[in-house]
C-alpha cells in the first residue's frame, strides 16, 4: 500500500456519516450494530483515506442510493491519480483473453448485483461514461492485476467524507477468464471486479482471509462472504426491497479547484497478491 497524495478536483460532494468497526457516530447505526461490527473486524474493514472514513452519500430513510457505472469507451486520463490514472477500452484485454464483450458486460453487471442484493445501495449502467460514478477500463500503463482509485471530498464538514467518484482498472497484459479452473495465475473477471467494487464503495482489505475483500486472489468461493456482507451493511444498511430509488447526480468535472481537494488511494501493492502455484 502506498501513501495517499492529492488529486485534482473532478466530481461532486455529498452527505456522509463517520463510521467505525468499533462503534457508531451521528446516530445512523444502532449500538447493537456497532458492537457486532467490533466483533467482525477481522472479516471486514471500512476504508480510511488520510485518516478519514469514506463512503457514498447515503439516501434518506426509506430510500435507496443508486450509483451509476460505465465501461470506458475511449482513452481517459485523470491527472495526478495514484491509480487508474490512464485508462482505455477493454477491447484488447477481452480479445487477448478470448472473452466476448457481451460476456464481460454480464460479468460486470453480476459483480455489482452481488453488492446490491445485500445492502441498501443500487447500481445502474450509465449511457454516458462521462457521467458515471464508477468507471471501469483497462490500464494504459499496465502493472499488477487490478486496481481501484477513490476520490473524496476532504473539505466536507461531514464526519465521514463523501466519495465523489471511483475508478476500476484491469491490466490488459494479464490473461483473464470467466469462472474458476484452479489456475490462480489467471484471474476470474467477476471475482476481481466484485473485489474492486468493494473498494469503490468504502471497504478495505480485512485483516483475516476468506472474504471477497481479502487481499489474496483465491478460487474457493465466487460470492460475497459473511464479512463482506457485514461490512457493506454497516456502511449502507440492509437491503430494503420497497425503498424509493434515488439516483446520484451526474459526475461533474467542472468543479473549481479552490472549492475541494480530492485524494486517491492506491491498492496495487496489496490487491490480489497471487498465491504461489
C-alpha atoms as a PDB file:
ATOM      1  CA  UNK A   1       0.000   0.000   0.000  1.00  0.00           C
ATOM      2  CA  UNK A   2       1.367   3.394  -0.900  1.00  0.00           C
ATOM      3  CA  UNK A   3       0.912   6.756   0.706  1.00  0.00           C
ATOM      4  CA  UNK A   4      -2.001   8.895  -0.495  1.00  0.00           C
ATOM      5  CA  UNK A   5      -1.323  12.135  -2.328  1.00  0.00           C
ATOM      6  CA  UNK A   6      -3.518  14.976  -3.589  1.00  0.00           C
ATOM      7  CA  UNK A   7      -5.527  14.644  -6.778  1.00  0.00           C
ATOM      8  CA  UNK A   8      -7.078  17.330  -8.972  1.00  0.00           C
ATOM      9  CA  UNK A   9     -10.761  18.018  -8.438  1.00  0.00           C
ATOM     10  CA  UNK A  10     -13.173  16.070 -10.592  1.00  0.00           C
ATOM     11  CA  UNK A  11     -16.692  15.390  -9.340  1.00  0.00           C
ATOM     12  CA  UNK A  12     -19.224  16.412  -6.721  1.00  0.00           C
ATOM     13  CA  UNK A  13     -19.730  16.139  -2.980  1.00  0.00           C
ATOM     14  CA  UNK A  14     -22.473  14.768  -0.762  1.00  0.00           C
ATOM     15  CA  UNK A  15     -23.559  13.855   2.738  1.00  0.00           C
ATOM     16  CA  UNK A  16     -21.886  11.155   4.757  1.00  0.00           C
ATOM     17  CA  UNK A  17     -21.566   9.733   8.261  1.00  0.00           C
ATOM     18  CA  UNK A  18     -18.476   8.754  10.157  1.00  0.00           C
ATOM     19  CA  UNK A  19     -18.215   5.001  10.591  1.00  0.00           C
ATOM     20  CA  UNK A  20     -16.138   2.660  12.675  1.00  0.00           C
ATOM     21  CA  UNK A  21     -15.987  -1.071  13.265  1.00  0.00           C
ATOM     22  CA  UNK A  22     -15.784  -0.263  16.980  1.00  0.00           C
ATOM     23  CA  UNK A  23     -18.809   1.940  17.311  1.00  0.00           C
ATOM     24  CA  UNK A  24     -21.122   4.421  15.651  1.00  0.00           C
ATOM     25  CA  UNK A  25     -21.396   8.122  15.010  1.00  0.00           C
ATOM     26  CA  UNK A  26     -24.131  10.580  14.076  1.00  0.00           C
ATOM     27  CA  UNK A  27     -26.928   8.236  15.088  1.00  0.00           C
ATOM     28  CA  UNK A  28     -27.304   6.202  11.893  1.00  0.00           C
ATOM     29  CA  UNK A  29     -26.188   2.871  13.336  1.00  0.00           C
ATOM     30  CA  UNK A  30     -27.572   1.317  16.494  1.00  0.00           C
ATOM     31  CA  UNK A  31     -25.370   0.256  19.382  1.00  0.00           C
ATOM     32  CA  UNK A  32     -26.181  -3.357  18.550  1.00  0.00           C
ATOM     33  CA  UNK A  33     -24.783  -2.998  15.032  1.00  0.00           C
ATOM     34  CA  UNK A  34     -21.733  -1.172  16.342  1.00  0.00           C
ATOM     35  CA  UNK A  35     -20.981  -3.953  18.800  1.00  0.00           C
ATOM     36  CA  UNK A  36     -21.406  -6.583  16.114  1.00  0.00           C
ATOM     37  CA  UNK A  37     -19.032  -4.669  13.867  1.00  0.00           C
ATOM     38  CA  UNK A  38     -16.362  -4.725  16.541  1.00  0.00           C
ATOM     39  CA  UNK A  39     -16.582  -8.496  16.703  1.00  0.00           C
ATOM     40  CA  UNK A  40     -16.357  -8.852  12.935  1.00  0.00           C
ATOM     41  CA  UNK A  41     -13.307  -6.604  12.497  1.00  0.00           C
ATOM     42  CA  UNK A  42     -11.122  -9.477  11.254  1.00  0.00           C
ATOM     43  CA  UNK A  43     -13.574 -10.256   8.438  1.00  0.00           C
ATOM     44  CA  UNK A  44     -14.216  -6.726   7.152  1.00  0.00           C
ATOM     45  CA  UNK A  45     -12.604  -3.327   7.381  1.00  0.00           C
ATOM     46  CA  UNK A  46     -14.066   0.063   6.407  1.00  0.00           C
ATOM     47  CA  UNK A  47     -11.809   2.087   4.161  1.00  0.00           C
ATOM     48  CA  UNK A  48      -9.956   5.079   5.610  1.00  0.00           C
ATOM     49  CA  UNK A  49      -8.090   7.633   3.484  1.00  0.00           C
ATOM     50  CA  UNK A  50      -5.829  10.198   5.129  1.00  0.00           C
ATOM     51  CA  UNK A  51      -7.410   9.103   8.398  1.00  0.00           C
ATOM     52  CA  UNK A  52     -10.930   9.771   7.091  1.00  0.00           C
ATOM     53  CA  UNK A  53     -13.743   7.282   6.780  1.00  0.00           C
ATOM     54  CA  UNK A  54     -15.276   7.449   3.295  1.00  0.00           C
ATOM     55  CA  UNK A  55     -18.437   6.223   1.623  1.00  0.00           C
ATOM     56  CA  UNK A  56     -21.010   7.338  -0.922  1.00  0.00           C
ATOM     57  CA  UNK A  57     -23.747   9.659   0.235  1.00  0.00           C
ATOM     58  CA  UNK A  58     -26.470   7.681   1.971  1.00  0.00           C
ATOM     59  CA  UNK A  59     -30.078   8.224   0.918  1.00  0.00           C
ATOM     60  CA  UNK A  60     -32.738   9.314   3.384  1.00  0.00           C
ATOM     61  CA  UNK A  61     -34.682   6.715   5.347  1.00  0.00           C
ATOM     62  CA  UNK A  62     -36.908   4.653   3.103  1.00  0.00           C
ATOM     63  CA  UNK A  63     -34.819   5.447   0.035  1.00  0.00           C
ATOM     64  CA  UNK A  64     -32.021   3.674  -1.812  1.00  0.00           C
ATOM     65  CA  UNK A  65     -28.974   5.421  -3.244  1.00  0.00           C
ATOM     66  CA  UNK A  66     -28.310   4.238  -6.789  1.00  0.00           C
ATOM     67  CA  UNK A  67     -24.847   4.755  -8.288  1.00  0.00           C
ATOM     68  CA  UNK A  68     -24.072   4.655 -11.990  1.00  0.00           C
ATOM     69  CA  UNK A  69     -21.228   2.737 -13.585  1.00  0.00           C
ATOM     70  CA  UNK A  70     -19.846   2.531 -17.094  1.00  0.00           C
ATOM     71  CA  UNK A  71     -17.178   0.805 -19.131  1.00  0.00           C
ATOM     72  CA  UNK A  72     -14.658   3.226 -20.630  1.00  0.00           C
ATOM     73  CA  UNK A  73     -15.473   3.958 -24.290  1.00  0.00           C
ATOM     74  CA  UNK A  74     -12.311   5.899 -25.177  1.00  0.00           C
ATOM     75  CA  UNK A  75      -8.965   6.828 -23.680  1.00  0.00           C
ATOM     76  CA  UNK A  76      -9.392   8.833 -20.476  1.00  0.00           C
ATOM     77  CA  UNK A  77      -6.902  10.413 -18.092  1.00  0.00           C
ATOM     78  CA  UNK A  78      -7.156  11.579 -14.500  1.00  0.00           C
ATOM     79  CA  UNK A  79      -4.143  13.782 -13.872  1.00  0.00           C
ATOM     80  CA  UNK A  80      -2.498  13.111 -10.508  1.00  0.00           C
ATOM     81  CA  UNK A  81      -4.480   9.955  -9.733  1.00  0.00           C
ATOM     82  CA  UNK A  82      -2.465   7.461  -7.733  1.00  0.00           C
ATOM     83  CA  UNK A  83      -4.043   4.599  -9.639  1.00  0.00           C
ATOM     84  CA  UNK A  84      -6.010   4.081 -12.866  1.00  0.00           C
ATOM     85  CA  UNK A  85      -4.786   7.491 -13.990  1.00  0.00           C
ATOM     86  CA  UNK A  86      -4.890   6.464 -17.646  1.00  0.00           C
ATOM     87  CA  UNK A  87      -7.496   4.024 -18.896  1.00  0.00           C
ATOM     88  CA  UNK A  88      -8.764   2.765 -22.212  1.00  0.00           C
ATOM     89  CA  UNK A  89     -11.410   0.399 -23.562  1.00  0.00           C
ATOM     90  CA  UNK A  90     -11.448  -3.256 -22.558  1.00  0.00           C
ATOM     91  CA  UNK A  91     -11.380  -4.423 -26.192  1.00  0.00           C
ATOM     92  CA  UNK A  92      -7.754  -5.596 -26.343  1.00  0.00           C
ATOM     93  CA  UNK A  93      -7.927  -7.229 -22.914  1.00  0.00           C
ATOM     94  CA  UNK A  94     -11.053  -9.152 -23.875  1.00  0.00           C
ATOM     95  CA  UNK A  95      -9.728 -10.154 -27.275  1.00  0.00           C
ATOM     96  CA  UNK A  96      -6.461 -11.463 -25.823  1.00  0.00           C
ATOM     97  CA  UNK A  97      -8.323 -13.472 -23.192  1.00  0.00           C
ATOM     98  CA  UNK A  98     -10.973 -14.640 -25.673  1.00  0.00           C
ATOM     99  CA  UNK A  99     -13.843 -13.181 -23.666  1.00  0.00           C
ATOM    100  CA  UNK A 100     -16.792 -11.843 -25.648  1.00  0.00           C
ATOM    101  CA  UNK A 101     -17.723  -8.218 -24.881  1.00  0.00           C
ATOM    102  CA  UNK A 102     -21.290  -9.190 -24.011  1.00  0.00           C
ATOM    103  CA  UNK A 103     -19.964 -11.812 -21.592  1.00  0.00           C
ATOM    104  CA  UNK A 104     -17.712  -9.263 -19.901  1.00  0.00           C
ATOM    105  CA  UNK A 105     -20.615  -6.833 -19.574  1.00  0.00           C
ATOM    106  CA  UNK A 106     -22.742  -9.555 -17.989  1.00  0.00           C
ATOM    107  CA  UNK A 107     -19.956 -10.475 -15.545  1.00  0.00           C
ATOM    108  CA  UNK A 108     -19.539  -6.833 -14.516  1.00  0.00           C
ATOM    109  CA  UNK A 109     -23.294  -6.473 -14.004  1.00  0.00           C
ATOM    110  CA  UNK A 110     -23.296  -9.662 -11.912  1.00  0.00           C
ATOM    111  CA  UNK A 111     -20.492  -8.267  -9.738  1.00  0.00           C
ATOM    112  CA  UNK A 112     -22.475  -5.106  -8.973  1.00  0.00           C
ATOM    113  CA  UNK A 113     -25.601  -7.204  -8.370  1.00  0.00           C
ATOM    114  CA  UNK A 114     -23.866  -9.085  -5.548  1.00  0.00           C
ATOM    115  CA  UNK A 115     -23.449  -5.908  -3.503  1.00  0.00           C
ATOM    116  CA  UNK A 116     -26.895  -4.614  -4.400  1.00  0.00           C
ATOM    117  CA  UNK A 117     -28.509  -7.857  -3.247  1.00  0.00           C
ATOM    118  CA  UNK A 118     -27.390  -7.434   0.368  1.00  0.00           C
ATOM    119  CA  UNK A 119     -27.148  -3.696   1.069  1.00  0.00           C
ATOM    120  CA  UNK A 120     -29.247  -0.590   0.600  1.00  0.00           C
ATOM    121  CA  UNK A 121     -27.255   0.625  -2.375  1.00  0.00           C
ATOM    122  CA  UNK A 122     -28.053   0.063  -6.041  1.00  0.00           C
ATOM    123  CA  UNK A 123     -26.235   0.289  -9.356  1.00  0.00           C
ATOM    124  CA  UNK A 124     -27.246   1.029 -12.929  1.00  0.00           C
ATOM    125  CA  UNK A 125     -25.203   1.193 -16.109  1.00  0.00           C
ATOM    126  CA  UNK A 126     -24.843   4.762 -17.366  1.00  0.00           C
ATOM    127  CA  UNK A 127     -25.449   5.583 -21.007  1.00  0.00           C
ATOM    128  CA  UNK A 128     -22.607   8.121 -20.966  1.00  0.00           C
ATOM    129  CA  UNK A 129     -19.337   7.112 -19.268  1.00  0.00           C
ATOM    130  CA  UNK A 130     -18.538  10.787 -18.660  1.00  0.00           C
ATOM    131  CA  UNK A 131     -21.354  10.982 -16.120  1.00  0.00           C
ATOM    132  CA  UNK A 132     -20.766   7.632 -14.395  1.00  0.00           C
ATOM    133  CA  UNK A 133     -19.948   7.449 -10.702  1.00  0.00           C
ATOM    134  CA  UNK A 134     -17.739   4.380 -11.205  1.00  0.00           C
ATOM    135  CA  UNK A 135     -15.648   3.932 -14.355  1.00  0.00           C
ATOM    136  CA  UNK A 136     -14.188   0.584 -15.434  1.00  0.00           C
ATOM    137  CA  UNK A 137     -11.437   0.223 -18.003  1.00  0.00           C
ATOM    138  CA  UNK A 138      -8.070  -1.245 -18.962  1.00  0.00           C
ATOM    139  CA  UNK A 139      -4.799   0.297 -17.844  1.00  0.00           C
ATOM    140  CA  UNK A 140      -2.869   2.255 -20.432  1.00  0.00           C
ATOM    141  CA  UNK A 141       0.251   1.790 -18.306  1.00  0.00           C
ATOM    142  CA  UNK A 142      -0.108  -1.870 -17.305  1.00  0.00           C
ATOM    143  CA  UNK A 143       1.019  -3.120 -13.896  1.00  0.00           C
ATOM    144  CA  UNK A 144      -0.214  -5.576 -11.290  1.00  0.00           C
ATOM    145  CA  UNK A 145      -3.610  -7.131 -11.903  1.00  0.00           C
ATOM    146  CA  UNK A 146      -6.469  -4.905 -10.747  1.00  0.00           C
ATOM    147  CA  UNK A 147      -6.696  -1.542  -9.017  1.00  0.00           C
ATOM    148  CA  UNK A 148      -9.239   0.878  -7.599  1.00  0.00           C
ATOM    149  CA  UNK A 149      -8.969   4.641  -7.228  1.00  0.00           C
ATOM    150  CA  UNK A 150     -11.275   6.545  -4.872  1.00  0.00           C
ATOM    151  CA  UNK A 151     -11.876  10.289  -4.976  1.00  0.00           C
ATOM    152  CA  UNK A 152     -13.477  12.010  -2.000  1.00  0.00           C
ATOM    153  CA  UNK A 153     -14.136  15.495  -0.674  1.00  0.00           C
ATOM    154  CA  UNK A 154     -11.686  16.279   2.130  1.00  0.00           C
ATOM    155  CA  UNK A 155     -13.296  19.671   2.807  1.00  0.00           C
ATOM    156  CA  UNK A 156     -16.690  18.190   3.594  1.00  0.00           C
ATOM    157  CA  UNK A 157     -17.883  19.015   7.097  1.00  0.00           C
ATOM    158  CA  UNK A 158     -19.410  15.551   7.418  1.00  0.00           C
ATOM    159  CA  UNK A 159     -17.667  13.156   9.849  1.00  0.00           C
ATOM    160  CA  UNK A 160     -17.367  10.584   7.070  1.00  0.00           C
ATOM    161  CA  UNK A 161     -16.197  12.147   3.839  1.00  0.00           C
ATOM    162  CA  UNK A 162     -18.355  11.546   0.753  1.00  0.00           C
ATOM    163  CA  UNK A 163     -16.891   9.613  -2.138  1.00  0.00           C
ATOM    164  CA  UNK A 164     -17.331  11.629  -5.322  1.00  0.00           C
ATOM    165  CA  UNK A 165     -16.069   9.248  -7.994  1.00  0.00           C
ATOM    166  CA  UNK A 166     -14.187   5.964  -8.303  1.00  0.00           C
ATOM    167  CA  UNK A 167     -12.179   4.108 -10.930  1.00  0.00           C
ATOM    168  CA  UNK A 168     -11.500   0.422 -11.551  1.00  0.00           C
ATOM    169  CA  UNK A 169      -8.773  -0.667 -13.948  1.00  0.00           C
ATOM    170  CA  UNK A 170      -7.539  -4.061 -15.107  1.00  0.00           C
ATOM    171  CA  UNK A 171      -4.158  -4.974 -16.553  1.00  0.00           C
ATOM    172  CA  UNK A 172      -4.614  -5.820 -20.274  1.00  0.00           C
ATOM    173  CA  UNK A 173      -1.291  -7.686 -20.341  1.00  0.00           C
ATOM    174  CA  UNK A 174      -2.627 -10.350 -17.982  1.00  0.00           C
ATOM    175  CA  UNK A 175      -4.828 -13.233 -19.001  1.00  0.00           C
ATOM    176  CA  UNK A 176      -8.401 -13.122 -17.700  1.00  0.00           C
ATOM    177  CA  UNK A 177     -11.141 -15.735 -17.538  1.00  0.00           C
ATOM    178  CA  UNK A 178     -14.791 -16.302 -16.644  1.00  0.00           C
ATOM    179  CA  UNK A 179     -15.214 -18.823 -13.849  1.00  0.00           C
ATOM    180  CA  UNK A 180     -12.770 -20.905 -11.818  1.00  0.00           C
ATOM    181  CA  UNK A 181     -10.467 -23.610 -13.129  1.00  0.00           C
ATOM    182  CA  UNK A 182      -7.815 -23.838 -10.425  1.00  0.00           C
ATOM    183  CA  UNK A 183      -5.304 -21.632 -12.275  1.00  0.00           C
ATOM    184  CA  UNK A 184      -4.517 -18.882  -9.750  1.00  0.00           C
ATOM    185  CA  UNK A 185      -2.360 -17.021 -12.253  1.00  0.00           C
ATOM    186  CA  UNK A 186      -5.367 -16.227 -14.430  1.00  0.00           C
ATOM    187  CA  UNK A 187      -7.985 -14.190 -12.592  1.00  0.00           C
ATOM    188  CA  UNK A 188     -11.739 -14.590 -12.838  1.00  0.00           C
ATOM    189  CA  UNK A 189     -13.233 -11.321 -14.055  1.00  0.00           C
ATOM    190  CA  UNK A 190     -16.339 -11.419 -11.871  1.00  0.00           C
ATOM    191  CA  UNK A 191     -14.402 -12.158  -8.677  1.00  0.00           C
ATOM    192  CA  UNK A 192     -11.899  -9.421  -9.442  1.00  0.00           C
ATOM    193  CA  UNK A 193     -14.478  -6.752 -10.307  1.00  0.00           C
ATOM    194  CA  UNK A 194     -16.523  -7.640  -7.212  1.00  0.00           C
ATOM    195  CA  UNK A 195     -13.432  -7.105  -5.061  1.00  0.00           C
ATOM    196  CA  UNK A 196     -12.616  -3.760  -6.659  1.00  0.00           C
ATOM    197  CA  UNK A 197     -16.228  -2.581  -6.367  1.00  0.00           C
ATOM    198  CA  UNK A 198     -15.865  -3.209  -2.646  1.00  0.00           C
ATOM    199  CA  UNK A 199     -13.038  -0.673  -2.539  1.00  0.00           C
ATOM    200  CA  UNK A 200     -15.018   1.859  -4.564  1.00  0.00           C
ATOM    201  CA  UNK A 201     -17.914   1.769  -2.087  1.00  0.00           C
ATOM    202  CA  UNK A 202     -15.765   2.080   1.033  1.00  0.00           C
ATOM    203  CA  UNK A 203     -14.284  -1.272   2.060  1.00  0.00           C
ATOM    204  CA  UNK A 204     -10.635  -2.095   2.696  1.00  0.00           C
ATOM    205  CA  UNK A 205      -8.846  -5.440   2.932  1.00  0.00           C
ATOM    206  CA  UNK A 206      -9.765  -7.175   6.207  1.00  0.00           C
ATOM    207  CA  UNK A 207      -7.054  -8.475   8.495  1.00  0.00           C
ATOM    208  CA  UNK A 208      -8.327 -12.015   8.030  1.00  0.00           C
ATOM    209  CA  UNK A 209      -8.890 -14.009   4.860  1.00  0.00           C
ATOM    210  CA  UNK A 210     -11.759 -15.975   3.407  1.00  0.00           C
ATOM    211  CA  UNK A 211     -13.641 -12.940   2.050  1.00  0.00           C
ATOM    212  CA  UNK A 212     -14.070 -11.430  -1.416  1.00  0.00           C
ATOM    213  CA  UNK A 213     -12.350  -8.349   0.038  1.00  0.00           C
ATOM    214  CA  UNK A 214      -9.347 -10.392   1.154  1.00  0.00           C
ATOM    215  CA  UNK A 215      -6.090  -9.224  -0.412  1.00  0.00           C
ATOM    216  CA  UNK A 216      -5.283 -12.609  -1.980  1.00  0.00           C
ATOM    217  CA  UNK A 217      -6.984 -13.998  -5.045  1.00  0.00           C
ATOM    218  CA  UNK A 218      -8.458 -17.424  -4.376  1.00  0.00           C
ATOM    219  CA  UNK A 219     -10.892 -19.805  -6.018  1.00  0.00           C
ATOM    220  CA  UNK A 220     -12.786 -21.307  -3.091  1.00  0.00           C
ATOM    221  CA  UNK A 221     -15.874 -19.072  -3.407  1.00  0.00           C
ATOM    222  CA  UNK A 222     -17.316 -16.767  -6.054  1.00  0.00           C
ATOM    223  CA  UNK A 223     -19.873 -14.842  -3.987  1.00  0.00           C
ATOM    224  CA  UNK A 224     -19.850 -12.396  -1.087  1.00  0.00           C
ATOM    225  CA  UNK A 225     -18.846 -13.926   2.230  1.00  0.00           C
ATOM    226  CA  UNK A 226     -20.227 -13.030   5.685  1.00  0.00           C
ATOM    227  CA  UNK A 227     -17.554 -10.420   6.357  1.00  0.00           C
ATOM    228  CA  UNK A 228     -18.160  -8.727   3.009  1.00  0.00           C
ATOM    229  CA  UNK A 229     -21.878  -8.548   3.766  1.00  0.00           C
ATOM    230  CA  UNK A 230     -21.340  -7.253   7.301  1.00  0.00           C
ATOM    231  CA  UNK A 231     -19.019  -4.530   6.038  1.00  0.00           C
ATOM    232  CA  UNK A 232     -21.293  -3.163   3.305  1.00  0.00           C
ATOM    233  CA  UNK A 233     -24.364  -3.363   5.556  1.00  0.00           C
ATOM    234  CA  UNK A 234     -22.500  -1.362   8.207  1.00  0.00           C
ATOM    235  CA  UNK A 235     -21.881   1.369   5.638  1.00  0.00           C
ATOM    236  CA  UNK A 236     -25.233   1.476   3.831  1.00  0.00           C
ATOM    237  CA  UNK A 237     -27.711  -0.568   5.840  1.00  0.00           C
ATOM    238  CA  UNK A 238     -29.528  -3.731   4.830  1.00  0.00           C
ATOM    239  CA  UNK A 239     -31.269  -4.016   1.508  1.00  0.00           C
ATOM    240  CA  UNK A 240     -34.778  -2.551   1.586  1.00  0.00           C
ATOM    241  CA  UNK A 241     -36.769  -4.022  -1.327  1.00  0.00           C
ATOM    242  CA  UNK A 242     -39.501  -1.362  -1.060  1.00  0.00           C
ATOM    243  CA  UNK A 243     -37.131   1.613  -0.947  1.00  0.00           C
ATOM    244  CA  UNK A 244     -37.625   4.606  -3.207  1.00  0.00           C
ATOM    245  CA  UNK A 245     -34.722   4.756  -5.660  1.00  0.00           C
ATOM    246  CA  UNK A 246     -32.675   7.961  -5.514  1.00  0.00           C
ATOM    247  CA  UNK A 247     -30.123   8.281  -8.310  1.00  0.00           C
ATOM    248  CA  UNK A 248     -26.898  10.152  -7.729  1.00  0.00           C
ATOM    249  CA  UNK A 249     -26.296  13.410  -9.542  1.00  0.00           C
ATOM    250  CA  UNK A 250     -24.193  13.127 -12.712  1.00  0.00           C
ATOM    251  CA  UNK A 251     -20.468  13.361 -12.122  1.00  0.00           C
ATOM    252  CA  UNK A 252     -19.189  16.835 -12.809  1.00  0.00           C
ATOM    253  CA  UNK A 253     -15.590  17.579 -13.764  1.00  0.00           C
ATOM    254  CA  UNK A 254     -16.101  21.334 -13.809  1.00  0.00           C
ATOM    255  CA  UNK A 255     -15.903  21.812 -10.024  1.00  0.00           C
ATOM    256  CA  UNK A 256     -13.490  24.657  -9.166  1.00  0.00           C
ATOM    257  CA  UNK A 257     -10.118  23.613  -7.772  1.00  0.00           C
ATOM    258  CA  UNK A 258     -10.249  26.033  -4.835  1.00  0.00           C
ATOM    259  CA  UNK A 259     -13.510  24.597  -3.521  1.00  0.00           C
ATOM    260  CA  UNK A 260     -12.476  20.994  -2.968  1.00  0.00           C
ATOM    261  CA  UNK A 261      -9.360  18.827  -2.558  1.00  0.00           C
ATOM    262  CA  UNK A 262      -9.506  15.213  -3.557  1.00  0.00           C
ATOM    263  CA  UNK A 263      -7.244  12.336  -2.730  1.00  0.00           C
ATOM    264  CA  UNK A 264      -6.895   8.862  -4.132  1.00  0.00           C
ATOM    265  CA  UNK A 265      -5.771   5.635  -2.526  1.00  0.00           C
ATOM    266  CA  UNK A 266      -3.640   3.098  -4.339  1.00  0.00           C
ATOM    267  CA  UNK A 267      -4.485  -0.555  -3.875  1.00  0.00           C
ATOM    268  CA  UNK A 268      -1.948  -2.194  -6.160  1.00  0.00           C
ATOM    269  CA  UNK A 269       0.611  -3.164  -3.547  1.00  0.00           C
ATOM    270  CA  UNK A 270      -1.916  -5.374  -1.744  1.00  0.00           C
ATOM    271  CA  UNK A 271      -4.817  -6.011  -4.061  1.00  0.00           C
ATOM    272  CA  UNK A 272      -4.853  -9.546  -5.367  1.00  0.00           C
ATOM    273  CA  UNK A 273      -1.468 -10.834  -4.375  1.00  0.00           C
ATOM    274  CA  UNK A 274      -1.352 -14.121  -6.254  1.00  0.00           C
ATOM    275  CA  UNK A 275      -0.724 -17.284  -4.287  1.00  0.00           C
ATOM    276  CA  UNK A 276       2.302 -19.289  -5.257  1.00  0.00           C
ATOM    277  CA  UNK A 277       1.404 -22.108  -7.676  1.00  0.00           C
END
